[in-house]
Structures are given as structure tokens and as C-alpha cells.
N, C-alpha and C. Protein backbone atom coordinates (compact mmCIF):
# COMPACT_ATOMS: atom_id res chain seq x y z
N MET A 1 0.84 -1.19 0.00
CA MET A 1 0.00 0.00 0.00
C MET A 1 0.88 1.25 0.00
N ARG A 2 0.59 2.18 -0.88
CA ARG A 2 1.37 3.40 -0.97
C ARG A 2 1.01 4.34 0.19
N PRO A 3 2.03 5.00 0.79
CA PRO A 3 1.73 5.92 1.89
C PRO A 3 0.91 7.10 1.40
N SER A 4 0.10 7.66 2.29
CA SER A 4 -0.68 8.84 1.95
C SER A 4 0.25 10.02 1.75
N ARG A 5 -0.29 11.10 1.19
CA ARG A 5 0.53 12.29 0.97
C ARG A 5 1.09 12.81 2.29
N GLY A 6 0.25 12.81 3.33
CA GLY A 6 0.71 13.28 4.63
C GLY A 6 1.81 12.41 5.19
N GLU A 7 1.65 11.08 5.08
CA GLU A 7 2.67 10.16 5.57
C GLU A 7 3.98 10.34 4.81
N ALA A 8 3.86 10.56 3.49
CA ALA A 8 5.06 10.77 2.68
C ALA A 8 5.78 12.04 3.10
N THR A 9 5.02 13.09 3.40
CA THR A 9 5.63 14.35 3.86
C THR A 9 6.33 14.14 5.19
N ARG A 10 5.66 13.48 6.11
CA ARG A 10 6.25 13.22 7.43
C ARG A 10 7.53 12.41 7.29
N ASP A 11 7.49 11.38 6.46
CA ASP A 11 8.68 10.54 6.27
C ASP A 11 9.83 11.34 5.65
N ALA A 12 9.50 12.22 4.70
CA ALA A 12 10.54 13.03 4.06
C ALA A 12 11.20 13.96 5.07
N ILE A 13 10.42 14.51 5.97
CA ILE A 13 10.98 15.40 7.01
C ILE A 13 11.87 14.60 7.95
N ALA A 14 11.42 13.42 8.34
CA ALA A 14 12.21 12.58 9.25
C ALA A 14 13.52 12.16 8.60
N VAL A 15 13.48 11.79 7.33
CA VAL A 15 14.70 11.39 6.61
C VAL A 15 15.66 12.57 6.49
N ALA A 16 15.12 13.74 6.17
CA ALA A 16 15.96 14.94 6.06
C ALA A 16 16.65 15.24 7.39
N ALA A 17 15.91 15.10 8.49
CA ALA A 17 16.49 15.35 9.80
C ALA A 17 17.63 14.38 10.09
N GLN A 18 17.41 13.10 9.78
CA GLN A 18 18.45 12.11 10.04
C GLN A 18 19.70 12.41 9.22
N GLU A 19 19.52 12.81 7.97
CA GLU A 19 20.67 13.17 7.13
C GLU A 19 21.44 14.34 7.73
N LEU A 20 20.72 15.35 8.18
CA LEU A 20 21.37 16.54 8.72
C LEU A 20 22.02 16.26 10.07
N PHE A 21 21.41 15.40 10.89
CA PHE A 21 22.04 15.01 12.15
C PHE A 21 23.42 14.40 11.87
N LEU A 22 23.48 13.54 10.83
CA LEU A 22 24.74 12.89 10.48
C LEU A 22 25.75 13.89 9.92
N GLU A 23 25.27 14.82 9.11
CA GLU A 23 26.17 15.76 8.45
C GLU A 23 26.65 16.87 9.39
N ARG A 24 25.73 17.40 10.22
CA ARG A 24 26.04 18.60 11.01
C ARG A 24 26.07 18.36 12.51
N GLY A 25 25.50 17.25 12.95
CA GLY A 25 25.32 17.04 14.37
C GLY A 25 23.99 17.60 14.84
N TYR A 26 23.62 17.25 16.04
CA TYR A 26 22.31 17.65 16.57
C TYR A 26 22.21 19.16 16.79
N ASP A 27 23.21 19.73 17.45
CA ASP A 27 23.13 21.14 17.84
C ASP A 27 23.06 22.07 16.62
N ARG A 28 23.72 21.73 15.53
CA ARG A 28 23.78 22.60 14.37
C ARG A 28 22.65 22.33 13.37
N THR A 29 21.80 21.40 13.67
CA THR A 29 20.64 21.12 12.80
C THR A 29 19.45 21.94 13.29
N THR A 30 18.85 22.71 12.40
CA THR A 30 17.70 23.54 12.75
C THR A 30 16.45 23.03 12.03
N MET A 31 15.31 23.42 12.55
CA MET A 31 14.05 23.04 11.89
C MET A 31 13.97 23.65 10.50
N ARG A 32 14.50 24.85 10.34
CA ARG A 32 14.48 25.49 9.02
C ARG A 32 15.32 24.70 8.02
N ALA A 33 16.49 24.25 8.46
CA ALA A 33 17.35 23.47 7.57
C ALA A 33 16.69 22.14 7.20
N VAL A 34 16.02 21.54 8.17
CA VAL A 34 15.32 20.28 7.90
C VAL A 34 14.21 20.50 6.88
N ALA A 35 13.45 21.57 7.06
CA ALA A 35 12.37 21.88 6.13
C ALA A 35 12.90 22.11 4.72
N GLU A 36 14.00 22.85 4.61
CA GLU A 36 14.59 23.10 3.30
C GLU A 36 15.05 21.80 2.65
N ARG A 37 15.69 20.94 3.43
CA ARG A 37 16.17 19.66 2.88
C ARG A 37 14.99 18.79 2.42
N ALA A 38 13.90 18.83 3.17
CA ALA A 38 12.73 18.00 2.85
C ALA A 38 11.87 18.61 1.74
N GLY A 39 12.12 19.89 1.42
CA GLY A 39 11.34 20.55 0.39
C GLY A 39 9.95 20.95 0.85
N VAL A 40 9.83 21.32 2.15
CA VAL A 40 8.55 21.76 2.68
C VAL A 40 8.75 23.09 3.40
N SER A 41 7.65 23.74 3.74
CA SER A 41 7.75 24.99 4.48
C SER A 41 8.10 24.69 5.94
N VAL A 42 8.62 25.70 6.62
CA VAL A 42 8.94 25.54 8.04
C VAL A 42 7.67 25.24 8.83
N GLY A 43 6.57 25.92 8.46
CA GLY A 43 5.30 25.67 9.14
C GLY A 43 4.84 24.24 8.97
N ASN A 44 5.07 23.68 7.78
CA ASN A 44 4.68 22.29 7.54
C ASN A 44 5.53 21.34 8.38
N ALA A 45 6.80 21.67 8.51
CA ALA A 45 7.68 20.84 9.34
C ALA A 45 7.21 20.84 10.79
N TYR A 46 6.82 22.03 11.29
CA TYR A 46 6.33 22.11 12.66
C TYR A 46 4.96 21.46 12.83
N TYR A 47 4.21 21.39 11.75
CA TYR A 47 2.90 20.72 11.81
C TYR A 47 3.10 19.24 12.14
N TRP A 48 4.10 18.63 11.52
CA TRP A 48 4.32 17.20 11.73
C TRP A 48 5.19 16.91 12.94
N PHE A 49 6.10 17.83 13.26
CA PHE A 49 7.01 17.64 14.40
C PHE A 49 7.06 18.93 15.19
N ALA A 50 6.56 18.89 16.42
CA ALA A 50 6.42 20.11 17.22
C ALA A 50 7.75 20.75 17.59
N SER A 51 8.83 19.98 17.56
CA SER A 51 10.13 20.52 17.93
C SER A 51 11.22 19.62 17.36
N LYS A 52 12.45 20.08 17.49
CA LYS A 52 13.58 19.26 17.04
C LYS A 52 13.66 17.98 17.85
N GLU A 53 13.27 18.05 19.12
CA GLU A 53 13.27 16.85 19.95
C GLU A 53 12.33 15.79 19.38
N HIS A 54 11.19 16.22 18.84
CA HIS A 54 10.26 15.27 18.26
C HIS A 54 10.82 14.65 16.98
N LEU A 55 11.68 15.38 16.29
CA LEU A 55 12.37 14.80 15.13
C LEU A 55 13.31 13.69 15.59
N VAL A 56 13.98 13.91 16.71
CA VAL A 56 14.86 12.89 17.25
C VAL A 56 14.05 11.67 17.67
N GLN A 57 12.83 11.91 18.17
CA GLN A 57 11.99 10.78 18.56
C GLN A 57 11.67 9.90 17.35
N ALA A 58 11.40 10.53 16.21
CA ALA A 58 11.17 9.77 14.98
C ALA A 58 12.41 8.96 14.61
N PHE A 59 13.57 9.56 14.85
CA PHE A 59 14.84 8.87 14.61
C PHE A 59 14.95 7.65 15.54
N TYR A 60 14.61 7.83 16.81
CA TYR A 60 14.63 6.72 17.76
C TYR A 60 13.71 5.59 17.30
N ASP A 61 12.53 5.96 16.84
CA ASP A 61 11.58 4.94 16.37
C ASP A 61 12.19 4.14 15.22
N GLN A 62 12.88 4.83 14.31
CA GLN A 62 13.48 4.13 13.18
C GLN A 62 14.64 3.24 13.63
N ILE A 63 15.38 3.70 14.63
CA ILE A 63 16.47 2.88 15.18
C ILE A 63 15.92 1.56 15.69
N GLN A 64 14.76 1.60 16.35
CA GLN A 64 14.17 0.37 16.88
C GLN A 64 13.78 -0.58 15.74
N VAL A 65 13.22 -0.02 14.68
CA VAL A 65 12.85 -0.83 13.51
C VAL A 65 14.10 -1.47 12.90
N ASP A 66 15.15 -0.66 12.74
CA ASP A 66 16.39 -1.17 12.16
C ASP A 66 17.04 -2.21 13.07
N HIS A 67 16.95 -1.99 14.38
CA HIS A 67 17.53 -2.94 15.32
C HIS A 67 16.81 -4.28 15.24
N ALA A 68 15.49 -4.25 15.17
CA ALA A 68 14.73 -5.50 15.08
C ALA A 68 15.09 -6.26 13.81
N ALA A 69 15.25 -5.51 12.70
CA ALA A 69 15.61 -6.15 11.43
C ALA A 69 17.01 -6.75 11.51
N ALA A 70 17.95 -6.03 12.11
CA ALA A 70 19.33 -6.52 12.22
C ALA A 70 19.42 -7.73 13.15
N SER A 71 18.50 -7.82 14.10
CA SER A 71 18.51 -8.93 15.06
C SER A 71 17.88 -10.20 14.50
N ALA A 72 17.03 -10.05 13.49
CA ALA A 72 16.21 -11.17 13.02
C ALA A 72 17.06 -12.37 12.58
N THR A 73 18.07 -12.13 11.76
CA THR A 73 18.90 -13.23 11.26
C THR A 73 19.65 -13.90 12.40
N ALA A 74 20.22 -13.10 13.28
CA ALA A 74 20.98 -13.66 14.41
C ALA A 74 20.09 -14.52 15.30
N LEU A 75 18.88 -14.07 15.54
CA LEU A 75 17.97 -14.83 16.40
C LEU A 75 17.55 -16.14 15.75
N SER A 76 17.40 -16.13 14.44
CA SER A 76 16.95 -17.34 13.74
C SER A 76 17.98 -18.45 13.81
N ARG A 77 19.22 -18.10 14.09
CA ARG A 77 20.31 -19.08 14.10
C ARG A 77 20.72 -19.50 15.51
N ARG A 78 20.09 -18.94 16.53
CA ARG A 78 20.52 -19.21 17.90
C ARG A 78 19.35 -19.69 18.76
N ARG A 79 19.65 -20.58 19.69
CA ARG A 79 18.61 -21.13 20.56
C ARG A 79 18.83 -20.80 22.03
N THR A 80 20.08 -20.73 22.47
CA THR A 80 20.31 -20.48 23.89
C THR A 80 20.01 -19.03 24.23
N PHE A 81 19.56 -18.81 25.45
CA PHE A 81 19.25 -17.45 25.89
C PHE A 81 20.46 -16.55 25.78
N ALA A 82 21.62 -17.02 26.28
CA ALA A 82 22.82 -16.17 26.31
C ALA A 82 23.23 -15.74 24.90
N SER A 83 23.24 -16.68 23.96
CA SER A 83 23.67 -16.33 22.60
C SER A 83 22.69 -15.37 21.94
N ARG A 84 21.40 -15.52 22.21
CA ARG A 84 20.39 -14.64 21.63
C ARG A 84 20.47 -13.24 22.26
N HIS A 85 20.62 -13.20 23.57
CA HIS A 85 20.69 -11.92 24.27
C HIS A 85 21.91 -11.12 23.81
N GLU A 86 23.06 -11.80 23.74
CA GLU A 86 24.28 -11.12 23.29
C GLU A 86 24.14 -10.62 21.86
N ALA A 87 23.56 -11.44 20.98
CA ALA A 87 23.42 -11.05 19.58
C ALA A 87 22.56 -9.80 19.43
N VAL A 88 21.49 -9.71 20.20
CA VAL A 88 20.59 -8.57 20.11
C VAL A 88 21.25 -7.30 20.63
N LEU A 89 21.97 -7.39 21.73
CA LEU A 89 22.66 -6.21 22.26
C LEU A 89 23.77 -5.74 21.32
N LEU A 90 24.51 -6.67 20.75
CA LEU A 90 25.56 -6.29 19.81
C LEU A 90 24.97 -5.71 18.53
N ALA A 91 23.82 -6.22 18.12
CA ALA A 91 23.16 -5.68 16.93
C ALA A 91 22.77 -4.23 17.15
N TRP A 92 22.35 -3.90 18.37
CA TRP A 92 22.01 -2.50 18.65
C TRP A 92 23.24 -1.60 18.50
N VAL A 93 24.38 -2.03 19.00
CA VAL A 93 25.60 -1.24 18.88
C VAL A 93 25.96 -1.05 17.41
N ASP A 94 25.81 -2.10 16.62
CA ASP A 94 26.11 -2.00 15.18
C ASP A 94 25.21 -0.98 14.50
N VAL A 95 23.91 -1.04 14.80
CA VAL A 95 22.95 -0.14 14.16
C VAL A 95 23.18 1.31 14.59
N ALA A 96 23.51 1.51 15.86
CA ALA A 96 23.65 2.86 16.40
C ALA A 96 25.02 3.48 16.15
N GLU A 97 26.00 2.69 15.77
CA GLU A 97 27.37 3.19 15.64
C GLU A 97 27.51 4.44 14.77
N PRO A 98 26.84 4.55 13.62
CA PRO A 98 27.02 5.75 12.80
C PRO A 98 26.60 7.05 13.49
N PHE A 99 25.78 6.93 14.54
CA PHE A 99 25.25 8.11 15.21
C PHE A 99 25.94 8.40 16.54
N HIS A 100 27.02 7.67 16.82
CA HIS A 100 27.67 7.81 18.12
C HIS A 100 28.24 9.20 18.34
N GLU A 101 28.70 9.83 17.29
CA GLU A 101 29.38 11.12 17.43
C GLU A 101 28.49 12.18 18.09
N PHE A 102 27.19 12.15 17.79
CA PHE A 102 26.33 13.16 18.40
C PHE A 102 25.34 12.55 19.39
N ALA A 103 25.63 11.34 19.87
CA ALA A 103 24.75 10.69 20.84
C ALA A 103 24.71 11.44 22.16
N GLY A 104 25.82 12.10 22.50
CA GLY A 104 25.85 12.85 23.75
C GLY A 104 24.83 13.96 23.79
N ALA A 105 24.64 14.64 22.65
CA ALA A 105 23.65 15.71 22.58
C ALA A 105 22.24 15.16 22.77
N PHE A 106 22.00 13.99 22.19
CA PHE A 106 20.70 13.34 22.38
C PHE A 106 20.48 12.99 23.84
N PHE A 107 21.55 12.48 24.47
CA PHE A 107 21.42 12.04 25.85
C PHE A 107 21.12 13.21 26.79
N LYS A 108 21.72 14.38 26.51
CA LYS A 108 21.44 15.54 27.35
C LYS A 108 19.94 15.87 27.34
N ALA A 109 19.35 15.79 26.15
CA ALA A 109 17.91 16.06 26.05
C ALA A 109 17.10 14.95 26.71
N ALA A 110 17.52 13.71 26.52
CA ALA A 110 16.77 12.58 27.05
C ALA A 110 16.84 12.52 28.58
N ALA A 111 17.90 13.09 29.16
CA ALA A 111 18.06 13.04 30.62
C ALA A 111 17.07 13.95 31.34
N GLU A 112 16.50 14.91 30.63
CA GLU A 112 15.49 15.78 31.23
C GLU A 112 14.19 14.99 31.37
N PRO A 113 13.67 14.83 32.61
CA PRO A 113 12.49 13.98 32.82
C PRO A 113 11.26 14.37 32.00
N THR A 114 11.09 15.67 31.71
CA THR A 114 9.91 16.11 30.97
C THR A 114 10.12 16.09 29.45
N SER A 115 11.30 15.71 29.00
CA SER A 115 11.58 15.70 27.57
C SER A 115 10.87 14.54 26.88
N PRO A 116 10.35 14.77 25.67
CA PRO A 116 9.78 13.65 24.91
C PRO A 116 10.82 12.60 24.54
N LEU A 117 12.11 12.96 24.66
CA LEU A 117 13.17 12.01 24.36
C LEU A 117 13.46 11.06 25.50
N SER A 118 12.92 11.32 26.69
CA SER A 118 13.13 10.39 27.79
C SER A 118 12.64 9.01 27.39
N PRO A 119 13.42 7.96 27.67
CA PRO A 119 12.97 6.61 27.30
C PRO A 119 11.70 6.18 28.03
N PHE A 120 11.31 6.95 29.05
CA PHE A 120 10.11 6.62 29.81
C PHE A 120 8.93 7.52 29.48
N SER A 121 9.09 8.42 28.51
CA SER A 121 8.02 9.36 28.17
C SER A 121 6.90 8.71 27.37
N ALA A 122 5.77 9.41 27.31
CA ALA A 122 4.65 8.92 26.50
C ALA A 122 5.04 8.90 25.03
N GLU A 123 5.81 9.90 24.59
CA GLU A 123 6.23 9.96 23.20
C GLU A 123 7.15 8.80 22.82
N SER A 124 7.89 8.30 23.81
CA SER A 124 8.83 7.20 23.56
C SER A 124 8.16 5.83 23.65
N ARG A 125 6.88 5.81 23.95
CA ARG A 125 6.21 4.52 24.17
C ARG A 125 6.32 3.57 22.98
N PRO A 126 6.10 4.00 21.73
CA PRO A 126 6.22 3.06 20.61
C PRO A 126 7.62 2.44 20.52
N ALA A 127 8.66 3.27 20.65
CA ALA A 127 10.03 2.75 20.59
C ALA A 127 10.30 1.82 21.77
N ARG A 128 9.81 2.20 22.94
CA ARG A 128 10.02 1.39 24.15
C ARG A 128 9.33 0.03 24.00
N GLU A 129 8.10 0.03 23.53
CA GLU A 129 7.37 -1.22 23.38
C GLU A 129 7.99 -2.11 22.31
N THR A 130 8.51 -1.51 21.25
CA THR A 130 9.19 -2.29 20.22
C THR A 130 10.43 -2.96 20.79
N ALA A 131 11.20 -2.21 21.59
CA ALA A 131 12.42 -2.75 22.19
C ALA A 131 12.10 -3.86 23.18
N ILE A 132 11.06 -3.69 23.99
CA ILE A 132 10.69 -4.71 24.97
C ILE A 132 10.16 -5.96 24.26
N ALA A 133 9.44 -5.76 23.16
CA ALA A 133 8.93 -6.90 22.39
C ALA A 133 10.08 -7.72 21.82
N LEU A 134 11.14 -7.05 21.41
CA LEU A 134 12.31 -7.76 20.89
C LEU A 134 12.96 -8.58 22.00
N GLN A 135 13.05 -8.02 23.20
CA GLN A 135 13.61 -8.77 24.32
C GLN A 135 12.71 -9.96 24.69
N ALA A 136 11.39 -9.79 24.53
CA ALA A 136 10.47 -10.91 24.78
C ALA A 136 10.75 -12.04 23.80
N ARG A 137 11.04 -11.68 22.56
CA ARG A 137 11.37 -12.71 21.57
C ARG A 137 12.66 -13.42 21.93
N VAL A 138 13.62 -12.68 22.46
CA VAL A 138 14.88 -13.30 22.90
C VAL A 138 14.59 -14.43 23.87
N VAL A 139 13.69 -14.17 24.82
CA VAL A 139 13.39 -15.13 25.87
C VAL A 139 12.47 -16.25 25.37
N GLU A 140 11.36 -15.87 24.75
CA GLU A 140 10.31 -16.84 24.43
C GLU A 140 10.75 -17.88 23.41
N GLU A 141 11.61 -17.51 22.50
CA GLU A 141 12.03 -18.44 21.46
C GLU A 141 13.37 -19.10 21.76
N SER A 142 13.82 -18.94 23.01
CA SER A 142 15.08 -19.57 23.42
C SER A 142 14.77 -20.89 24.13
N SER A 143 15.83 -21.59 24.45
CA SER A 143 15.68 -22.87 25.16
C SER A 143 15.62 -22.68 26.67
N ALA A 144 15.64 -21.43 27.13
CA ALA A 144 15.65 -21.16 28.57
C ALA A 144 14.31 -21.48 29.22
N THR A 145 14.37 -21.96 30.44
CA THR A 145 13.18 -22.18 31.25
C THR A 145 13.10 -21.07 32.28
N VAL A 146 12.08 -20.22 32.15
CA VAL A 146 11.96 -19.05 33.02
C VAL A 146 10.88 -19.30 34.07
N PRO A 147 11.18 -19.03 35.36
CA PRO A 147 10.17 -19.19 36.39
C PRO A 147 8.91 -18.40 36.07
N ARG A 148 7.77 -18.98 36.39
CA ARG A 148 6.50 -18.33 36.08
C ARG A 148 6.42 -16.92 36.64
N ALA A 149 6.91 -16.73 37.87
CA ALA A 149 6.82 -15.42 38.53
C ALA A 149 7.63 -14.35 37.81
N LEU A 150 8.63 -14.77 37.04
CA LEU A 150 9.52 -13.83 36.37
C LEU A 150 9.20 -13.65 34.90
N ARG A 151 8.42 -14.55 34.35
CA ARG A 151 8.22 -14.62 32.90
C ARG A 151 7.70 -13.32 32.30
N ASP A 152 6.68 -12.74 32.91
CA ASP A 152 6.06 -11.55 32.32
C ASP A 152 6.94 -10.31 32.41
N ASP A 153 7.76 -10.24 33.45
CA ASP A 153 8.55 -9.03 33.68
C ASP A 153 9.96 -9.10 33.12
N LEU A 154 10.43 -10.28 32.75
CA LEU A 154 11.81 -10.42 32.29
C LEU A 154 12.13 -9.57 31.07
N PRO A 155 11.27 -9.50 30.04
CA PRO A 155 11.60 -8.66 28.89
C PRO A 155 11.84 -7.19 29.27
N GLU A 156 11.03 -6.67 30.19
CA GLU A 156 11.23 -5.28 30.61
C GLU A 156 12.52 -5.13 31.40
N LEU A 157 12.86 -6.12 32.21
CA LEU A 157 14.14 -6.08 32.93
C LEU A 157 15.31 -6.07 31.96
N LEU A 158 15.21 -6.87 30.91
CA LEU A 158 16.28 -6.91 29.91
C LEU A 158 16.37 -5.60 29.16
N TRP A 159 15.22 -4.96 28.93
CA TRP A 159 15.25 -3.64 28.29
C TRP A 159 15.93 -2.61 29.18
N LEU A 160 15.65 -2.65 30.49
CA LEU A 160 16.31 -1.73 31.42
C LEU A 160 17.82 -1.96 31.42
N LEU A 161 18.23 -3.22 31.33
CA LEU A 161 19.65 -3.52 31.21
C LEU A 161 20.21 -2.91 29.93
N GLN A 162 19.46 -3.02 28.85
CA GLN A 162 19.89 -2.42 27.59
C GLN A 162 20.05 -0.91 27.73
N MET A 163 19.16 -0.25 28.47
CA MET A 163 19.30 1.18 28.69
C MET A 163 20.61 1.51 29.41
N GLY A 164 21.02 0.62 30.33
CA GLY A 164 22.31 0.81 30.98
C GLY A 164 23.46 0.67 30.00
N VAL A 165 23.35 -0.29 29.09
CA VAL A 165 24.37 -0.46 28.06
C VAL A 165 24.43 0.77 27.16
N VAL A 166 23.25 1.32 26.83
CA VAL A 166 23.20 2.52 25.99
C VAL A 166 23.91 3.68 26.67
N LEU A 167 23.68 3.85 27.96
CA LEU A 167 24.35 4.93 28.71
C LEU A 167 25.86 4.75 28.66
N PHE A 168 26.33 3.52 28.85
CA PHE A 168 27.76 3.25 28.77
C PHE A 168 28.28 3.56 27.36
N TRP A 169 27.50 3.17 26.35
CA TRP A 169 27.87 3.38 24.95
C TRP A 169 28.02 4.87 24.63
N VAL A 170 27.13 5.69 25.16
CA VAL A 170 27.18 7.14 24.92
C VAL A 170 28.53 7.70 25.34
N HIS A 171 29.08 7.20 26.45
CA HIS A 171 30.34 7.71 26.99
C HIS A 171 31.56 6.94 26.50
N ASP A 172 31.36 5.93 25.69
CA ASP A 172 32.45 5.07 25.22
C ASP A 172 33.16 5.71 24.02
N GLN A 173 34.39 6.13 24.22
CA GLN A 173 35.15 6.77 23.16
C GLN A 173 36.14 5.82 22.48
N SER A 174 36.09 4.55 22.80
CA SER A 174 36.99 3.60 22.16
C SER A 174 36.57 3.37 20.71
N GLU A 175 37.50 2.90 19.90
CA GLU A 175 37.24 2.71 18.47
C GLU A 175 36.10 1.72 18.26
N GLN A 176 35.11 2.14 17.46
CA GLN A 176 33.92 1.32 17.19
C GLN A 176 33.25 0.83 18.48
N GLN A 177 33.40 1.63 19.53
CA GLN A 177 32.80 1.33 20.83
C GLN A 177 33.18 -0.09 21.31
N ARG A 178 34.46 -0.38 21.19
CA ARG A 178 34.98 -1.70 21.56
C ARG A 178 34.69 -2.03 23.02
N ARG A 179 34.79 -1.03 23.90
CA ARG A 179 34.56 -1.30 25.33
C ARG A 179 33.11 -1.69 25.59
N THR A 180 32.19 -1.10 24.85
CA THR A 180 30.78 -1.47 25.02
C THR A 180 30.56 -2.91 24.59
N ARG A 181 31.20 -3.30 23.50
CA ARG A 181 31.06 -4.68 23.02
C ARG A 181 31.65 -5.67 24.04
N THR A 182 32.77 -5.28 24.64
CA THR A 182 33.36 -6.12 25.68
C THR A 182 32.44 -6.22 26.89
N LEU A 183 31.85 -5.09 27.28
CA LEU A 183 30.91 -5.09 28.40
C LEU A 183 29.76 -6.06 28.14
N ILE A 184 29.19 -6.02 26.94
CA ILE A 184 28.07 -6.90 26.59
C ILE A 184 28.49 -8.35 26.71
N ARG A 185 29.65 -8.68 26.18
CA ARG A 185 30.09 -10.09 26.18
C ARG A 185 30.38 -10.60 27.59
N ARG A 186 30.66 -9.68 28.51
CA ARG A 186 30.94 -10.11 29.89
C ARG A 186 29.69 -10.07 30.78
N VAL A 187 28.76 -9.18 30.47
CA VAL A 187 27.56 -9.08 31.29
C VAL A 187 26.56 -10.17 30.96
N VAL A 188 26.42 -10.50 29.69
CA VAL A 188 25.40 -11.49 29.28
C VAL A 188 25.56 -12.82 30.02
N PRO A 189 26.77 -13.39 30.15
CA PRO A 189 26.89 -14.64 30.91
C PRO A 189 26.42 -14.51 32.37
N LEU A 190 26.62 -13.33 32.97
CA LEU A 190 26.15 -13.12 34.33
C LEU A 190 24.62 -13.13 34.39
N VAL A 191 23.98 -12.50 33.40
CA VAL A 191 22.52 -12.50 33.33
C VAL A 191 22.02 -13.92 33.13
N ASP A 192 22.68 -14.67 32.27
CA ASP A 192 22.29 -16.06 32.01
C ASP A 192 22.41 -16.90 33.28
N ARG A 193 23.51 -16.68 34.01
CA ARG A 193 23.71 -17.43 35.26
C ARG A 193 22.63 -17.07 36.28
N ALA A 194 22.32 -15.79 36.39
CA ALA A 194 21.28 -15.37 37.34
C ALA A 194 19.93 -15.98 36.96
N LEU A 195 19.64 -16.05 35.67
CA LEU A 195 18.39 -16.65 35.22
C LEU A 195 18.33 -18.13 35.57
N ARG A 196 19.43 -18.82 35.41
CA ARG A 196 19.49 -20.23 35.77
C ARG A 196 19.30 -20.41 37.28
N MET A 197 19.95 -19.54 38.06
CA MET A 197 19.85 -19.64 39.52
C MET A 197 18.44 -19.34 40.01
N SER A 198 17.69 -18.54 39.26
CA SER A 198 16.34 -18.19 39.69
C SER A 198 15.41 -19.40 39.75
N ARG A 199 15.82 -20.50 39.13
CA ARG A 199 14.99 -21.72 39.14
C ARG A 199 15.33 -22.63 40.31
N LEU A 200 16.38 -22.30 41.06
CA LEU A 200 16.81 -23.16 42.15
C LEU A 200 15.83 -23.08 43.33
N PRO A 201 15.69 -24.17 44.09
CA PRO A 201 14.85 -24.14 45.28
C PRO A 201 15.30 -23.04 46.24
N GLY A 202 14.35 -22.34 46.79
CA GLY A 202 14.66 -21.28 47.74
C GLY A 202 14.83 -19.91 47.12
N MET A 203 14.85 -19.86 45.79
CA MET A 203 15.02 -18.57 45.11
C MET A 203 13.68 -17.92 44.78
N GLY A 204 12.58 -18.62 45.00
CA GLY A 204 11.27 -18.10 44.65
C GLY A 204 10.94 -16.79 45.35
N ALA A 205 11.30 -16.69 46.65
CA ALA A 205 10.99 -15.48 47.41
C ALA A 205 11.75 -14.28 46.85
N LEU A 206 13.02 -14.50 46.47
CA LEU A 206 13.83 -13.42 45.91
C LEU A 206 13.26 -12.96 44.56
N VAL A 207 12.87 -13.91 43.73
CA VAL A 207 12.26 -13.57 42.44
C VAL A 207 10.97 -12.80 42.65
N GLY A 208 10.17 -13.23 43.65
CA GLY A 208 8.93 -12.53 43.95
C GLY A 208 9.17 -11.10 44.40
N ASP A 209 10.19 -10.89 45.24
CA ASP A 209 10.53 -9.54 45.68
C ASP A 209 10.93 -8.67 44.50
N LEU A 210 11.69 -9.24 43.57
CA LEU A 210 12.14 -8.50 42.40
C LEU A 210 10.96 -8.08 41.53
N THR A 211 10.06 -8.99 41.27
CA THR A 211 8.91 -8.65 40.43
C THR A 211 7.99 -7.66 41.13
N ASN A 212 7.89 -7.73 42.44
CA ASN A 212 7.06 -6.76 43.18
C ASN A 212 7.64 -5.36 43.08
N ILE A 213 8.97 -5.26 43.09
CA ILE A 213 9.62 -3.95 42.92
C ILE A 213 9.29 -3.39 41.55
N ILE A 214 9.36 -4.22 40.53
CA ILE A 214 9.06 -3.78 39.17
C ILE A 214 7.63 -3.26 39.07
N LYS A 215 6.70 -4.01 39.65
CA LYS A 215 5.29 -3.61 39.60
C LYS A 215 5.05 -2.32 40.36
N ALA A 216 5.73 -2.17 41.50
CA ALA A 216 5.55 -0.94 42.29
C ALA A 216 6.08 0.28 41.54
N VAL A 217 7.24 0.14 40.92
CA VAL A 217 7.81 1.25 40.15
C VAL A 217 6.95 1.57 38.94
N ARG A 218 6.45 0.54 38.25
CA ARG A 218 5.62 0.73 37.07
C ARG A 218 4.33 1.45 37.44
N ALA A 219 3.77 1.13 38.60
CA ALA A 219 2.51 1.74 39.02
C ALA A 219 2.72 3.21 39.36
């Protein structure tokens, strides 16, 4: 199905913004420049995106789509939880690498609690849900046996871990973010071990406390 005229305009503005972010960086990209690149009026650009931050949100949404696509092949070839989890986290680093140079500017905006760029904002909900759904696929299609009490909340916990990796990645100045890749390869086995231990007798109470904390924070 062909996109509507409005959808095509919105997509053109989002693509123009992404191009300019790469060429000029976040701070030097203006709504006027984006409008000119997209071939629309400034007013039209503001009609579809209320601010430059909302343009970045569209970029985040696309990153999630690209990440899911990059993860698909790796997931189809792996069965163990650890191998699937590692592949998905590394795929995110690969997809995001071209944008690392100006990731710090994005993070400054996202760190503001009222910003639409916050990973916990209403505007970020589509990207957040896409990322959590990918983590659910990591778990559900793996050979891991997850305790019933942890099953529903584990994908969100893995997403929160990914947010920690993203924060580390933002500050990682090593070539091709080598330190972030090393962190992933060392953290994933620990997560896998903790998941295995959660099935041991006597661990039920601890798992229950953990899920109760998640529910309390979510509420």
C-alpha cells in the first residue's frame, strides 16, 4: 500500500532530519534546515514535528525498527538465551554506531524527565514497546526455562539492562565502541547465570521480591 501524501511528507521530514544530524550534528541542525532539505515549508515541518526533539523521537523509532531487522537473522540461528541476548545487544551497537558522534547531545535532552526524548516518556512509548517486544522474543524463542513469577517481567528487565548499556555506549570513546562490546560479552553470561539460579529451590521469594519492585515502580 502506498503511503498517503501526509505520511510521505512526514517521512521526508524525518529522513531529512536524520541526514542533517549525520552531516552537522544535533546542535547545528535547525528546523528550518530540515524543512529546506525535505522541500517543505517551516510551518509544515512544525505541523508534523512540534520541535527538534520530536524529530529525534522519529529517529529513535526508526532505530528500533532497524535494530529489530538486524537482530532477526541472528535470532533465527541461535537457541540459547545467552547467545540470543548477546546477539541482540551487539546488533544495537552496530545499528547505532554511525550516530555515536552526536549521541551525547541526544542524551542531554533525554536526561530531562519532561523531555519527549526520555525513554520513559509517552512519546517514547512506541520505541520502548518495540524494544521490549524484541527482548520478549529473545526469551520466548530460546531454550531457557523461566520461572512463572519472572516470565512476564523479564523482557522489561532486559530492556532496562539495555538502557544501561546505551548509557555506557554514549560515553564510550573507544574505536567502534569496543569497550561497550566487551561489556556486553561479559555481562550477558552473568545474566544467564542469574536466570538459571532463579529456578533453584529457595530462590522463589527473591524472584517474587524483584517482580514486586518492578510492579511498584511501574505503578
